[in-house]
């Protein structure tokens, strides 16, 4: 299992929280650095639901959301 931890909150906008120790940090920073805000060793990024679906499919290739 990967060490990635996701918390998704539905509403006006969504937050995707990724623990900063995750090996996927580089991916998140590289693709979405303009959306990231660092809070207490976590990376909080504002996403649309479509972006959340895309990021989850890339990080977990065995995960199908459609």
N, C-alpha and C. Protein backbone atom coordinates (compact mmCIF):
# COMPACT_ATOMS: atom_id res chain seq x y z
N UNK A 1 0.84 -1.19 0.00
CA UNK A 1 0.00 0.00 0.00
C UNK A 1 0.88 1.25 0.00
N UNK A 2 0.41 2.27 -0.66
CA UNK A 2 1.16 3.53 -0.68
C UNK A 2 0.91 4.28 0.62
N UNK A 3 1.73 5.27 0.86
CA UNK A 3 1.59 6.06 2.09
C UNK A 3 0.85 7.36 1.83
N UNK A 4 0.06 7.40 0.76
CA UNK A 4 -0.67 8.62 0.44
C UNK A 4 -1.98 8.65 1.22
N UNK A 5 -2.34 9.82 1.71
CA UNK A 5 -3.56 9.98 2.49
C UNK A 5 -4.38 11.11 1.87
N UNK A 6 -5.61 10.83 1.51
CA UNK A 6 -6.45 11.82 0.86
C UNK A 6 -7.64 12.17 1.73
N UNK A 7 -7.94 13.45 1.80
CA UNK A 7 -9.16 13.90 2.46
C UNK A 7 -9.85 14.82 1.47
N UNK A 8 -11.03 14.44 1.04
CA UNK A 8 -11.74 15.22 0.04
C UNK A 8 -13.01 15.78 0.66
N UNK A 9 -13.19 17.09 0.55
CA UNK A 9 -14.36 17.75 1.11
C UNK A 9 -15.17 18.35 -0.02
N UNK A 10 -16.44 17.98 -0.11
CA UNK A 10 -17.29 18.48 -1.18
C UNK A 10 -17.93 19.80 -0.76
N UNK A 11 -18.07 20.68 -1.72
CA UNK A 11 -18.68 21.98 -1.44
C UNK A 11 -18.38 22.93 -2.58
N UNK A 12 -18.30 24.20 -2.26
CA UNK A 12 -17.99 25.22 -3.27
C UNK A 12 -16.69 24.86 -3.99
N UNK A 13 -15.71 24.43 -3.22
CA UNK A 13 -14.46 23.93 -3.79
C UNK A 13 -14.05 22.73 -2.95
N UNK A 14 -13.10 21.97 -3.44
CA UNK A 14 -12.68 20.76 -2.74
C UNK A 14 -11.23 20.88 -2.32
N UNK A 15 -10.90 20.27 -1.21
CA UNK A 15 -9.52 20.23 -0.75
C UNK A 15 -9.00 18.81 -0.91
N UNK A 16 -7.82 18.69 -1.46
CA UNK A 16 -7.12 17.41 -1.49
C UNK A 16 -5.91 17.58 -0.59
N UNK A 17 -5.87 16.82 0.49
CA UNK A 17 -4.78 16.94 1.45
C UNK A 17 -3.87 15.73 1.27
N UNK A 18 -2.60 15.98 1.02
CA UNK A 18 -1.63 14.91 0.83
C UNK A 18 -0.55 15.08 1.89
N UNK A 19 -0.29 14.05 2.67
CA UNK A 19 0.75 14.15 3.69
C UNK A 19 2.09 14.44 3.01
N UNK A 20 2.84 15.33 3.63
CA UNK A 20 4.08 15.79 3.00
C UNK A 20 5.14 14.69 2.92
N UNK A 21 4.99 13.62 3.67
CA UNK A 21 5.96 12.53 3.62
C UNK A 21 5.71 11.61 2.42
N UNK A 22 4.60 11.80 1.74
CA UNK A 22 4.23 10.93 0.63
C UNK A 22 5.25 10.99 -0.50
N UNK A 23 5.51 9.85 -1.11
CA UNK A 23 6.43 9.82 -2.24
C UNK A 23 5.82 10.49 -3.47
N UNK A 24 4.54 10.85 -3.40
CA UNK A 24 3.88 11.48 -4.54
C UNK A 24 3.96 13.00 -4.49
N UNK A 25 4.62 13.56 -3.47
CA UNK A 25 4.76 15.01 -3.38
C UNK A 25 5.31 15.63 -4.66
N UNK A 26 6.35 15.01 -5.21
CA UNK A 26 6.99 15.56 -6.40
C UNK A 26 5.98 15.68 -7.53
N UNK A 27 5.15 14.66 -7.70
CA UNK A 27 4.13 14.68 -8.74
C UNK A 27 3.16 15.83 -8.52
N UNK A 28 2.69 15.96 -7.29
CA UNK A 28 1.74 17.01 -6.96
C UNK A 28 2.35 18.39 -7.19
N UNK A 29 3.57 18.58 -6.71
CA UNK A 29 4.23 19.87 -6.88
C UNK A 29 4.47 20.18 -8.36
N UNK A 30 4.93 19.19 -9.09
CA UNK A 30 5.27 19.42 -10.49
C UNK A 30 4.06 19.84 -11.31
N UNK A 31 2.94 19.17 -11.09
CA UNK A 31 1.76 19.41 -11.92
C UNK A 31 0.85 20.52 -11.40
N UNK A 32 0.82 20.72 -10.09
CA UNK A 32 -0.18 21.62 -9.53
C UNK A 32 0.38 22.58 -8.50
N UNK A 33 1.63 22.99 -8.70
CA UNK A 33 2.28 23.82 -7.68
C UNK A 33 1.54 25.14 -7.45
N UNK A 34 0.89 25.67 -8.47
CA UNK A 34 0.21 26.95 -8.31
C UNK A 34 -1.02 26.86 -7.41
N UNK A 35 -1.48 25.64 -7.14
CA UNK A 35 -2.67 25.49 -6.30
C UNK A 35 -2.32 25.08 -4.88
N UNK A 36 -1.05 24.89 -4.58
CA UNK A 36 -0.74 24.32 -3.26
C UNK A 36 -0.50 25.37 -2.19
N UNK A 37 -0.96 25.04 -0.99
CA UNK A 37 -0.76 25.84 0.21
C UNK A 37 -0.25 24.87 1.26
N UNK A 38 0.86 25.19 1.89
CA UNK A 38 1.41 24.27 2.89
C UNK A 38 0.84 24.61 4.27
N UNK A 39 0.33 23.60 4.96
CA UNK A 39 -0.23 23.79 6.30
C UNK A 39 0.19 22.63 7.19
N UNK A 40 0.93 22.91 8.23
CA UNK A 40 1.28 21.89 9.23
C UNK A 40 1.80 20.59 8.61
N UNK A 41 2.83 20.70 7.78
CA UNK A 41 3.43 19.53 7.13
C UNK A 41 2.50 18.82 6.17
N UNK A 42 1.43 19.46 5.76
CA UNK A 42 0.54 18.87 4.76
C UNK A 42 0.42 19.83 3.60
N UNK A 43 0.17 19.29 2.44
CA UNK A 43 -0.01 20.10 1.25
C UNK A 43 -1.51 20.15 0.97
N UNK A 44 -2.08 21.32 1.02
CA UNK A 44 -3.51 21.47 0.79
C UNK A 44 -3.69 22.13 -0.57
N UNK A 45 -4.39 21.47 -1.45
CA UNK A 45 -4.53 21.93 -2.82
C UNK A 45 -6.00 22.03 -3.18
N UNK A 46 -6.39 23.12 -3.80
CA UNK A 46 -7.78 23.30 -4.23
C UNK A 46 -7.97 22.63 -5.59
N UNK A 47 -8.93 21.74 -5.68
CA UNK A 47 -9.20 21.02 -6.92
C UNK A 47 -10.67 21.07 -7.28
N UNK A 48 -10.95 20.95 -8.56
CA UNK A 48 -12.30 20.63 -8.99
C UNK A 48 -12.46 19.12 -8.85
N UNK A 49 -13.68 18.63 -8.88
CA UNK A 49 -13.89 17.18 -8.77
C UNK A 49 -13.25 16.45 -9.94
N UNK A 50 -13.21 17.06 -11.12
CA UNK A 50 -12.57 16.44 -12.27
C UNK A 50 -11.07 16.29 -12.03
N UNK A 51 -10.45 17.30 -11.44
CA UNK A 51 -9.02 17.22 -11.14
C UNK A 51 -8.74 16.16 -10.09
N UNK A 52 -9.63 16.04 -9.10
CA UNK A 52 -9.47 15.00 -8.08
C UNK A 52 -9.52 13.62 -8.73
N UNK A 53 -10.48 13.43 -9.62
CA UNK A 53 -10.60 12.14 -10.31
C UNK A 53 -9.34 11.83 -11.10
N UNK A 54 -8.80 12.83 -11.80
CA UNK A 54 -7.60 12.62 -12.59
C UNK A 54 -6.40 12.28 -11.71
N UNK A 55 -6.22 13.03 -10.65
CA UNK A 55 -5.06 12.80 -9.77
C UNK A 55 -5.14 11.42 -9.13
N UNK A 56 -6.33 11.00 -8.73
CA UNK A 56 -6.49 9.68 -8.12
C UNK A 56 -6.21 8.58 -9.13
N UNK A 57 -6.65 8.76 -10.37
CA UNK A 57 -6.40 7.75 -11.39
C UNK A 57 -4.91 7.63 -11.69
N UNK A 58 -4.20 8.74 -11.66
CA UNK A 58 -2.76 8.70 -11.93
C UNK A 58 -2.01 8.07 -10.75
N UNK A 59 -2.37 8.46 -9.53
CA UNK A 59 -1.66 7.95 -8.36
C UNK A 59 -1.98 6.49 -8.08
N UNK A 60 -3.22 6.08 -8.35
CA UNK A 60 -3.64 4.71 -8.11
C UNK A 60 -4.17 4.14 -9.41
N UNK A 61 -3.31 3.59 -10.22
CA UNK A 61 -3.72 3.13 -11.55
C UNK A 61 -4.78 2.03 -11.49
N UNK A 62 -4.91 1.38 -10.35
CA UNK A 62 -5.92 0.32 -10.21
C UNK A 62 -7.26 0.89 -9.75
N UNK A 63 -7.34 2.21 -9.60
CA UNK A 63 -8.57 2.83 -9.10
C UNK A 63 -9.35 3.44 -10.27
N UNK A 64 -10.58 2.98 -10.45
CA UNK A 64 -11.42 3.52 -11.52
C UNK A 64 -12.58 4.26 -10.89
N UNK A 65 -12.80 5.49 -11.33
CA UNK A 65 -13.78 6.35 -10.69
C UNK A 65 -15.03 6.53 -11.55
N UNK A 66 -14.94 6.24 -12.83
CA UNK A 66 -16.06 6.54 -13.71
C UNK A 66 -17.19 5.54 -13.58
